[in-house]
Amino acid sequence: MEGGAAQYNPRTVEEVFKDFTGRRAGMIKALTTDVEDFYQQCDPEKENLCLYGYPSEQWEVNLPAEEVPPELPEPALGINFARDGMQEKEWLALVAVHSDAWLLSVSFYFGARFGFDRADRKLLFNMMNDLPTIYEVVTGVAKKKVKDKSTVSNHSSNKSKSNSKAGKYSKPQVKDEDDGFDEEEEDEHGDTLCGACGENYASDEFWIFCDMCERWFHGNCVKITPAKAEHIKQYKCPSCSNKRIRP
């Protein structure tokens, strides 16, 4: 297994946070852009499987560690057993919740192992808490919270109908001298989150809107360029494109 603490021992708050964000990115990838592959690997006919995220931003579905106690806290066992007994969205949300819990346990394991004091623990938690949870990214809850804050976020979903070909792509661009948006609206758009990586919108990045799940994605995260977007009448993100009726 790739990600044991024997190979990688973060010792400072910054290093533990970097470990956290790498593992988080890998698990988000499994549950969003790589969801079809993840679904297939979680065969209920196999033994107890776990979803692991690694500091390298990679993920793996594998059996738990054999040593007792393990080098690191273990993820939830047997995520594959519930796969065919639940709707796919509900199952992915369940895995996301357990993944969030595992990330916290790993980070605070490092904190305990290397003697973080109260201030360090608080700093670490605040840094992690500033990011949306995996559950919020997978279910779209984070984006819904942003949309509920004001009508500006609702406007961002529809804004490009007047100035883009399909009305569903381009940056969720804000202030322009001719478009009448104000600085407050620009700040609101800054809270928009990518449905793949969960990171915030930045004004210099190209984004594209999924017509199916109604989430924004970084173009880089879903491998769509502005030139490709010009020819897309209705965009479906990788997760929505891979969806099919499950037996």
C-alpha atoms as a PDB file:
ATOM      1  CA  MET A   1       0.000   0.000   0.000  1.00  0.00           C
ATOM      2  CA  GLU A   2       1.382   3.397  -0.985  1.00  0.00           C
ATOM      3  CA  GLY A   3       0.619   5.807   1.813  1.00  0.00           C
ATOM      4  CA  GLY A   4       2.016   4.619   5.167  1.00  0.00           C
ATOM      5  CA  ALA A   5       3.420   6.986   7.760  1.00  0.00           C
ATOM      6  CA  ALA A   6       6.655   4.975   7.683  1.00  0.00           C
ATOM      7  CA  GLN A   7       7.407   6.624   4.341  1.00  0.00           C
ATOM      8  CA  TYR A   8       5.990  10.049   5.127  1.00  0.00           C
ATOM      9  CA  ASN A   9       5.795  11.684   8.561  1.00  0.00           C
ATOM     10  CA  PRO A  10       4.615  15.302   8.484  1.00  0.00           C
ATOM     11  CA  ARG A  11       5.833  17.000  11.660  1.00  0.00           C
ATOM     12  CA  THR A  12       4.630  20.624  11.470  1.00  0.00           C
ATOM     13  CA  VAL A  13       1.145  22.112  11.187  1.00  0.00           C
ATOM     14  CA  GLU A  14       1.888  23.187   7.627  1.00  0.00           C
ATOM     15  CA  GLU A  15       3.145  19.723   6.667  1.00  0.00           C
ATOM     16  CA  VAL A  16       0.133  17.993   8.224  1.00  0.00           C
ATOM     17  CA  PHE A  17      -2.197  20.384   6.386  1.00  0.00           C
ATOM     18  CA  LYS A  18      -0.398  19.656   3.114  1.00  0.00           C
ATOM     19  CA  ASP A  19      -0.838  15.930   3.819  1.00  0.00           C
ATOM     20  CA  PHE A  20      -4.545  16.567   4.522  1.00  0.00           C
ATOM     21  CA  THR A  21      -5.148  18.512   1.296  1.00  0.00           C
ATOM     22  CA  GLY A  22      -3.350  15.885  -0.797  1.00  0.00           C
ATOM     23  CA  ARG A  23      -5.375  13.014   0.641  1.00  0.00           C
ATOM     24  CA  ARG A  24      -8.565  15.070   0.375  1.00  0.00           C
ATOM     25  CA  ALA A  25      -7.924  15.860  -3.303  1.00  0.00           C
ATOM     26  CA  GLY A  26      -7.393  12.177  -4.080  1.00  0.00           C
ATOM     27  CA  MET A  27     -10.627  11.112  -2.372  1.00  0.00           C
ATOM     28  CA  ILE A  28     -12.617  13.892  -4.046  1.00  0.00           C
ATOM     29  CA  LYS A  29     -11.241  12.696  -7.368  1.00  0.00           C
ATOM     30  CA  ALA A  30     -12.440   9.154  -6.630  1.00  0.00           C
ATOM     31  CA  LEU A  31     -15.951  10.367  -5.810  1.00  0.00           C
ATOM     32  CA  THR A  32     -16.312  12.865  -8.683  1.00  0.00           C
ATOM     33  CA  THR A  33     -14.161  12.780 -11.811  1.00  0.00           C
ATOM     34  CA  ASP A  34     -13.123   9.117 -11.348  1.00  0.00           C
ATOM     35  CA  VAL A  35     -16.486   7.980  -9.980  1.00  0.00           C
ATOM     36  CA  GLU A  36     -17.116   5.333 -12.653  1.00  0.00           C
ATOM     37  CA  ASP A  37     -13.806   3.609 -11.953  1.00  0.00           C
ATOM     38  CA  PHE A  38     -14.375   3.921  -8.201  1.00  0.00           C
ATOM     39  CA  TYR A  39     -17.867   2.416  -8.495  1.00  0.00           C
ATOM     40  CA  GLN A  40     -16.600  -0.578 -10.433  1.00  0.00           C
ATOM     41  CA  GLN A  41     -13.774  -1.257  -7.989  1.00  0.00           C
ATOM     42  CA  CYS A  42     -16.193  -1.356  -5.031  1.00  0.00           C
ATOM     43  CA  ASP A  43     -17.602  -4.747  -5.977  1.00  0.00           C
ATOM     44  CA  PRO A  44     -19.856  -6.068  -3.159  1.00  0.00           C
ATOM     45  CA  GLU A  45     -18.630  -9.583  -3.955  1.00  0.00           C
ATOM     46  CA  LYS A  46     -15.136  -8.695  -2.727  1.00  0.00           C
ATOM     47  CA  GLU A  47     -13.940  -8.595   0.887  1.00  0.00           C
ATOM     48  CA  ASN A  48     -14.048  -5.524   3.167  1.00  0.00           C
ATOM     49  CA  LEU A  49     -12.674  -2.662   1.072  1.00  0.00           C
ATOM     50  CA  CYS A  50     -11.509   0.799   2.108  1.00  0.00           C
ATOM     51  CA  LEU A  51     -11.055   4.047   0.175  1.00  0.00           C
ATOM     52  CA  TYR A  52      -7.600   5.498   0.779  1.00  0.00           C
ATOM     53  CA  GLY A  53      -6.399   8.972  -0.166  1.00  0.00           C
ATOM     54  CA  TYR A  54      -2.690   9.708  -0.439  1.00  0.00           C
ATOM     55  CA  PRO A  55      -0.609  12.894  -0.052  1.00  0.00           C
ATOM     56  CA  SER A  56       0.205  12.595  -3.777  1.00  0.00           C
ATOM     57  CA  GLU A  57      -3.488  13.384  -4.557  1.00  0.00           C
ATOM     58  CA  GLN A  58      -4.082   9.787  -5.662  1.00  0.00           C
ATOM     59  CA  TRP A  59      -6.681   7.340  -4.368  1.00  0.00           C
ATOM     60  CA  GLU A  60      -6.925   3.588  -3.990  1.00  0.00           C
ATOM     61  CA  VAL A  61      -9.584   1.028  -3.117  1.00  0.00           C
ATOM     62  CA  ASN A  62      -7.919  -1.771  -1.175  1.00  0.00           C
ATOM     63  CA  LEU A  63      -8.145  -4.175   1.740  1.00  0.00           C
ATOM     64  CA  PRO A  64      -7.267  -2.749   5.162  1.00  0.00           C
ATOM     65  CA  ALA A  65      -3.763  -3.032   6.580  1.00  0.00           C
ATOM     66  CA  GLU A  66      -2.947  -6.418   8.111  1.00  0.00           C
ATOM     67  CA  GLU A  67      -0.864  -5.151  11.026  1.00  0.00           C
ATOM     68  CA  VAL A  68      -2.607  -4.433  14.326  1.00  0.00           C
ATOM     69  CA  PRO A  69      -2.612  -1.657  15.277  1.00  0.00           C
ATOM     70  CA  PRO A  70      -2.075  -0.126  11.831  1.00  0.00           C
ATOM     71  CA  GLU A  71       0.539   2.546  11.188  1.00  0.00           C
ATOM     72  CA  LEU A  72      -2.217   5.100  10.527  1.00  0.00           C
ATOM     73  CA  PRO A  73      -5.918   5.160  11.436  1.00  0.00           C
ATOM     74  CA  GLU A  74      -7.872   3.057   8.947  1.00  0.00           C
ATOM     75  CA  PRO A  75     -10.735   4.308   6.737  1.00  0.00           C
ATOM     76  CA  ALA A  76     -14.256   2.863   7.076  1.00  0.00           C
ATOM     77  CA  LEU A  77     -14.349  -0.865   6.315  1.00  0.00           C
ATOM     78  CA  GLY A  78     -16.697  -2.493   3.846  1.00  0.00           C
ATOM     79  CA  ILE A  79     -17.838   0.504   1.817  1.00  0.00           C
ATOM     80  CA  ASN A  80     -18.397  -1.899  -1.084  1.00  0.00           C
ATOM     81  CA  PHE A  81     -21.055  -3.923   0.742  1.00  0.00           C
ATOM     82  CA  ALA A  82     -23.587  -1.075   0.651  1.00  0.00           C
ATOM     83  CA  ARG A  83     -23.005  -0.213  -3.001  1.00  0.00           C
ATOM     84  CA  ASP A  84     -25.898  -2.115  -4.572  1.00  0.00           C
ATOM     85  CA  GLY A  85     -28.256  -1.625  -1.640  1.00  0.00           C
ATOM     86  CA  MET A  86     -28.438   2.177  -1.960  1.00  0.00           C
ATOM     87  CA  GLN A  87     -29.012   4.758  -4.649  1.00  0.00           C
ATOM     88  CA  GLU A  88     -25.676   5.785  -6.097  1.00  0.00           C
ATOM     89  CA  LYS A  89     -25.876   9.397  -4.873  1.00  0.00           C
ATOM     90  CA  GLU A  90     -26.705   8.289  -1.349  1.00  0.00           C
ATOM     91  CA  TRP A  91     -23.922   5.720  -1.341  1.00  0.00           C
ATOM     92  CA  LEU A  92     -21.348   8.236  -2.567  1.00  0.00           C
ATOM     93  CA  ALA A  93     -22.521  10.697   0.088  1.00  0.00           C
ATOM     94  CA  LEU A  94     -22.102   8.009   2.760  1.00  0.00           C
ATOM     95  CA  VAL A  95     -18.573   7.233   1.584  1.00  0.00           C
ATOM     96  CA  ALA A  96     -17.831  10.977   1.551  1.00  0.00           C
ATOM     97  CA  VAL A  97     -18.912  11.379   5.193  1.00  0.00           C
ATOM     98  CA  HIS A  98     -16.678   8.507   6.305  1.00  0.00           C
ATOM     99  CA  SER A  99     -13.838   9.927   4.189  1.00  0.00           C
ATOM    100  CA  ASP A 100     -14.128  13.291   5.972  1.00  0.00           C
ATOM    101  CA  ALA A 101     -13.981  11.529   9.336  1.00  0.00           C
ATOM    102  CA  TRP A 102     -10.906   9.558   8.280  1.00  0.00           C
ATOM    103  CA  LEU A 103      -9.054  12.661   7.084  1.00  0.00           C
ATOM    104  CA  LEU A 104      -9.593  14.340  10.442  1.00  0.00           C
ATOM    105  CA  SER A 105      -8.464  11.257  12.346  1.00  0.00           C
ATOM    106  CA  VAL A 106      -5.255  10.963  10.288  1.00  0.00           C
ATOM    107  CA  SER A 107      -4.398  14.650  10.723  1.00  0.00           C
ATOM    108  CA  PHE A 108      -4.975  14.637  14.471  1.00  0.00           C
ATOM    109  CA  TYR A 109      -3.085  11.347  14.750  1.00  0.00           C
ATOM    110  CA  PHE A 110      -0.055  13.174  13.371  1.00  0.00           C
ATOM    111  CA  GLY A 111      -0.773  16.063  15.735  1.00  0.00           C
ATOM    112  CA  ALA A 112      -0.842  13.741  18.752  1.00  0.00           C
ATOM    113  CA  ARG A 113       2.191  11.785  17.617  1.00  0.00           C
ATOM    114  CA  PHE A 114       4.336  14.871  17.227  1.00  0.00           C
ATOM    115  CA  GLY A 115       3.081  16.733  20.281  1.00  0.00           C
ATOM    116  CA  PHE A 116       1.018  19.578  18.827  1.00  0.00           C
ATOM    117  CA  ASP A 117      -0.078  21.905  21.607  1.00  0.00           C
ATOM    118  CA  ARG A 118      -3.492  23.531  21.921  1.00  0.00           C
ATOM    119  CA  ALA A 119      -2.581  26.437  19.633  1.00  0.00           C
ATOM    120  CA  ASP A 120      -1.221  24.104  16.941  1.00  0.00           C
ATOM    121  CA  ARG A 121      -4.309  21.882  17.083  1.00  0.00           C
ATOM    122  CA  LYS A 122      -6.594  24.888  16.818  1.00  0.00           C
ATOM    123  CA  LEU A 123      -4.615  26.291  13.894  1.00  0.00           C
ATOM    124  CA  LEU A 124      -4.667  22.941  12.098  1.00  0.00           C
ATOM    125  CA  PHE A 125      -8.417  22.531  12.573  1.00  0.00           C
ATOM    126  CA  ASN A 126      -9.131  26.073  11.368  1.00  0.00           C
ATOM    127  CA  MET A 127      -7.031  25.530   8.247  1.00  0.00           C
ATOM    128  CA  MET A 128      -8.888  22.306   7.441  1.00  0.00           C
ATOM    129  CA  ASN A 129     -12.258  23.815   8.303  1.00  0.00           C
ATOM    130  CA  ASP A 130     -11.738  26.637   5.815  1.00  0.00           C
ATOM    131  CA  LEU A 131     -12.106  24.053   3.032  1.00  0.00           C
ATOM    132  CA  PRO A 132     -15.471  22.489   2.142  1.00  0.00           C
ATOM    133  CA  THR A 133     -15.823  18.905   3.311  1.00  0.00           C
ATOM    134  CA  ILE A 134     -15.714  16.042   0.840  1.00  0.00           C
ATOM    135  CA  TYR A 135     -19.402  15.508   1.587  1.00  0.00           C
ATOM    136  CA  GLU A 136     -20.177  19.113   0.642  1.00  0.00           C
ATOM    137  CA  VAL A 137     -18.238  18.800  -2.608  1.00  0.00           C
ATOM    138  CA  VAL A 138     -19.760  15.446  -3.610  1.00  0.00           C
ATOM    139  CA  THR A 139     -23.357  16.380  -2.810  1.00  0.00           C
ATOM    140  CA  GLY A 140     -23.179  19.986  -3.988  1.00  0.00           C
ATOM    141  CA  VAL A 141     -24.155  21.257  -0.536  1.00  0.00           C
ATOM    142  CA  ALA A 142     -21.318  23.786  -0.548  1.00  0.00           C
ATOM    143  CA  LYS A 143     -22.536  25.359  -3.777  1.00  0.00           C
ATOM    144  CA  LYS A 144     -26.144  25.409  -2.550  1.00  0.00           C
ATOM    145  CA  LYS A 145     -25.040  27.300   0.553  1.00  0.00           C
ATOM    146  CA  VAL A 146     -23.350  29.875  -1.621  1.00  0.00           C
ATOM    147  CA  LYS A 147     -26.429  30.204  -3.849  1.00  0.00           C
ATOM    148  CA  ASP A 148     -28.654  30.694  -0.814  1.00  0.00           C
ATOM    149  CA  LYS A 149     -26.554  33.596   0.441  1.00  0.00           C
ATOM    150  CA  SER A 150     -27.955  35.973  -2.174  1.00  0.00           C
ATOM    151  CA  THR A 151     -29.483  36.165  -5.619  1.00  0.00           C
ATOM    152  CA  VAL A 152     -26.063  36.964  -7.032  1.00  0.00           C
ATOM    153  CA  SER A 153     -25.052  33.304  -7.068  1.00  0.00           C
ATOM    154  CA  ASN A 154     -28.289  32.424  -8.852  1.00  0.00           C
ATOM    155  CA  HIS A 155     -27.395  35.058 -11.397  1.00  0.00           C
ATOM    156  CA  SER A 156     -24.018  33.371 -11.944  1.00  0.00           C
ATOM    157  CA  SER A 157     -25.785  30.227 -13.167  1.00  0.00           C
ATOM    158  CA  ASN A 158     -27.711  32.130 -15.836  1.00  0.00           C
ATOM    159  CA  LYS A 159     -25.599  35.185 -16.477  1.00  0.00           C
ATOM    160  CA  SER A 160     -23.924  34.147 -19.694  1.00  0.00           C
ATOM    161  CA  LYS A 161     -27.105  33.647 -21.723  1.00  0.00           C
ATOM    162  CA  SER A 162     -26.715  37.121 -23.151  1.00  0.00           C
ATOM    163  CA  ASN A 163     -23.006  36.996 -23.878  1.00  0.00           C
ATOM    164  CA  SER A 164     -21.990  33.364 -24.494  1.00  0.00           C
ATOM    165  CA  LYS A 165     -23.082  30.889 -27.111  1.00  0.00           C
ATOM    166  CA  ALA A 166     -24.634  28.223 -24.883  1.00  0.00           C
ATOM    167  CA  GLY A 167     -25.241  30.272 -21.766  1.00  0.00           C
ATOM    168  CA  LYS A 168     -23.603  27.580 -19.634  1.00  0.00           C
ATOM    169  CA  TYR A 169     -19.874  28.116 -19.958  1.00  0.00           C
ATOM    170  CA  SER A 170     -17.194  30.749 -19.517  1.00  0.00           C
ATOM    171  CA  LYS A 171     -15.900  32.031 -16.206  1.00  0.00           C
ATOM    172  CA  PRO A 172     -18.487  33.001 -13.614  1.00  0.00           C
ATOM    173  CA  GLN A 173     -17.053  36.392 -14.514  1.00  0.00           C
ATOM    174  CA  VAL A 174     -17.979  39.334 -12.450  1.00  0.00           C
ATOM    175  CA  LYS A 175     -17.045  42.940 -12.715  1.00  0.00           C
ATOM    176  CA  ASP A 176     -16.779  44.449 -16.156  1.00  0.00           C
ATOM    177  CA  GLU A 177     -17.077  48.097 -17.037  1.00  0.00           C
ATOM    178  CA  ASP A 178     -20.133  47.474 -19.195  1.00  0.00           C
ATOM    179  CA  ASP A 179     -21.986  44.695 -17.392  1.00  0.00           C
ATOM    180  CA  GLY A 180     -23.172  46.639 -14.370  1.00  0.00           C
ATOM    181  CA  PHE A 181     -21.898  44.190 -11.700  1.00  0.00           C
ATOM    182  CA  ASP A 182     -20.507  45.731  -8.529  1.00  0.00           C
ATOM    183  CA  GLU A 183     -17.703  44.745  -6.169  1.00  0.00           C
ATOM    184  CA  GLU A 184     -20.110  43.020  -3.790  1.00  0.00           C
ATOM    185  CA  GLU A 185     -21.163  40.631  -6.564  1.00  0.00           C
ATOM    186  CA  GLU A 186     -17.514  39.933  -7.313  1.00  0.00           C
ATOM    187  CA  ASP A 187     -16.986  38.906  -3.716  1.00  0.00           C
ATOM    188  CA  GLU A 188     -20.005  36.584  -3.888  1.00  0.00           C
ATOM    189  CA  HIS A 189     -18.649  34.840  -6.961  1.00  0.00           C
ATOM    190  CA  GLY A 190     -15.412  34.305  -5.088  1.00  0.00           C
ATOM    191  CA  ASP A 191     -17.313  31.817  -2.905  1.00  0.00           C
ATOM    192  CA  THR A 192     -18.263  29.602  -5.853  1.00  0.00           C
ATOM    193  CA  LEU A 193     -16.688  26.156  -5.497  1.00  0.00           C
ATOM    194  CA  CYS A 194     -15.441  23.722  -8.117  1.00  0.00           C
ATOM    195  CA  GLY A 195     -17.507  20.522  -8.178  1.00  0.00           C
ATOM    196  CA  ALA A 196     -14.369  18.444  -8.799  1.00  0.00           C
ATOM    197  CA  CYS A 197     -11.638  19.792  -6.521  1.00  0.00           C
ATOM    198  CA  GLY A 198     -13.769  21.852  -4.121  1.00  0.00           C
ATOM    199  CA  GLU A 199     -11.524  24.895  -4.420  1.00  0.00           C
ATOM    200  CA  ASN A 200     -12.777  28.455  -4.809  1.00  0.00           C
ATOM    201  CA  TYR A 201     -13.335  30.405  -7.989  1.00  0.00           C
ATOM    202  CA  ALA A 202     -10.545  32.715  -9.084  1.00  0.00           C
ATOM    203  CA  SER A 203     -11.128  35.518 -11.561  1.00  0.00           C
ATOM    204  CA  ASP A 204      -8.284  34.438 -13.853  1.00  0.00           C
ATOM    205  CA  GLU A 205      -9.525  30.837 -14.293  1.00  0.00           C
ATOM    206  CA  PHE A 206     -11.829  29.388 -16.948  1.00  0.00           C
ATOM    207  CA  TRP A 207     -14.894  27.627 -15.551  1.00  0.00           C
ATOM    208  CA  ILE A 208     -17.691  25.592 -17.123  1.00  0.00           C
ATOM    209  CA  PHE A 209     -21.220  24.909 -15.827  1.00  0.00           C
ATOM    210  CA  CYS A 210     -22.793  21.408 -15.870  1.00  0.00           C
ATOM    211  CA  ASP A 211     -26.385  21.480 -17.130  1.00  0.00           C
ATOM    212  CA  MET A 212     -27.220  18.249 -15.287  1.00  0.00           C
ATOM    213  CA  CYS A 213     -25.980  18.701 -11.692  1.00  0.00           C
ATOM    214  CA  GLU A 214     -25.809  22.531 -11.953  1.00  0.00           C
ATOM    215  CA  ARG A 215     -22.303  22.814 -10.566  1.00  0.00           C
ATOM    216  CA  TRP A 216     -19.337  24.857 -11.794  1.00  0.00           C
ATOM    217  CA  PHE A 217     -16.012  23.168 -12.596  1.00  0.00           C
ATOM    218  CA  HIS A 218     -12.521  24.443 -13.291  1.00  0.00           C
ATOM    219  CA  GLY A 219     -11.826  23.828 -16.959  1.00  0.00           C
ATOM    220  CA  ASN A 220      -8.527  22.215 -15.994  1.00  0.00           C
ATOM    221  CA  CYS A 221     -10.259  19.791 -13.600  1.00  0.00           C
ATOM    222  CA  VAL A 222     -12.579  18.432 -16.312  1.00  0.00           C
ATOM    223  CA  LYS A 223     -10.145  18.889 -19.233  1.00  0.00           C
ATOM    224  CA  ILE A 224     -12.261  21.473 -21.064  1.00  0.00           C
ATOM    225  CA  THR A 225     -10.661  24.492 -22.727  1.00  0.00           C
ATOM    226  CA  PRO A 226     -12.445  27.714 -23.729  1.00  0.00           C
ATOM    227  CA  ALA A 227     -12.068  26.648 -27.377  1.00  0.00           C
ATOM    228  CA  LYS A 228     -13.770  23.289 -26.728  1.00  0.00           C
ATOM    229  CA  ALA A 229     -16.512  24.989 -24.711  1.00  0.00           C
ATOM    230  CA  GLU A 230     -17.457  27.137 -27.694  1.00  0.00           C
ATOM    231  CA  HIS A 231     -18.724  23.995 -29.444  1.00  0.00           C
ATOM    232  CA  ILE A 232     -20.650  22.534 -26.498  1.00  0.00           C
ATOM    233  CA  LYS A 233     -24.395  23.189 -26.513  1.00  0.00           C
ATOM    234  CA  GLN A 234     -25.147  21.240 -23.330  1.00  0.00           C
ATOM    235  CA  TYR A 235     -22.260  20.358 -21.026  1.00  0.00           C
ATOM    236  CA  LYS A 236     -22.252  17.289 -18.787  1.00  0.00           C
ATOM    237  CA  CYS A 237     -19.475  16.900 -16.230  1.00  0.00           C
ATOM    238  CA  PRO A 238     -17.590  13.557 -16.063  1.00  0.00           C
ATOM    239  CA  SER A 239     -19.728  12.344 -13.170  1.00  0.00           C
ATOM    240  CA  CYS A 240     -23.014  13.060 -14.966  1.00  0.00           C
ATOM    241  CA  SER A 241     -21.696  11.699 -18.273  1.00  0.00           C
ATOM    242  CA  ASN A 242     -20.799   8.386 -16.633  1.00  0.00           C
ATOM    243  CA  LYS A 243     -24.138   7.957 -14.878  1.00  0.00           C
ATOM    244  CA  ARG A 244     -26.288   5.086 -16.024  1.00  0.00           C
ATOM    245  CA  ILE A 245     -29.122   3.090 -14.573  1.00  0.00           C
ATOM    246  CA  ARG A 246     -27.715   0.672 -12.013  1.00  0.00           C
ATOM    247  CA  PRO A 247     -29.147  -2.859 -11.755  1.00  0.00           C
END
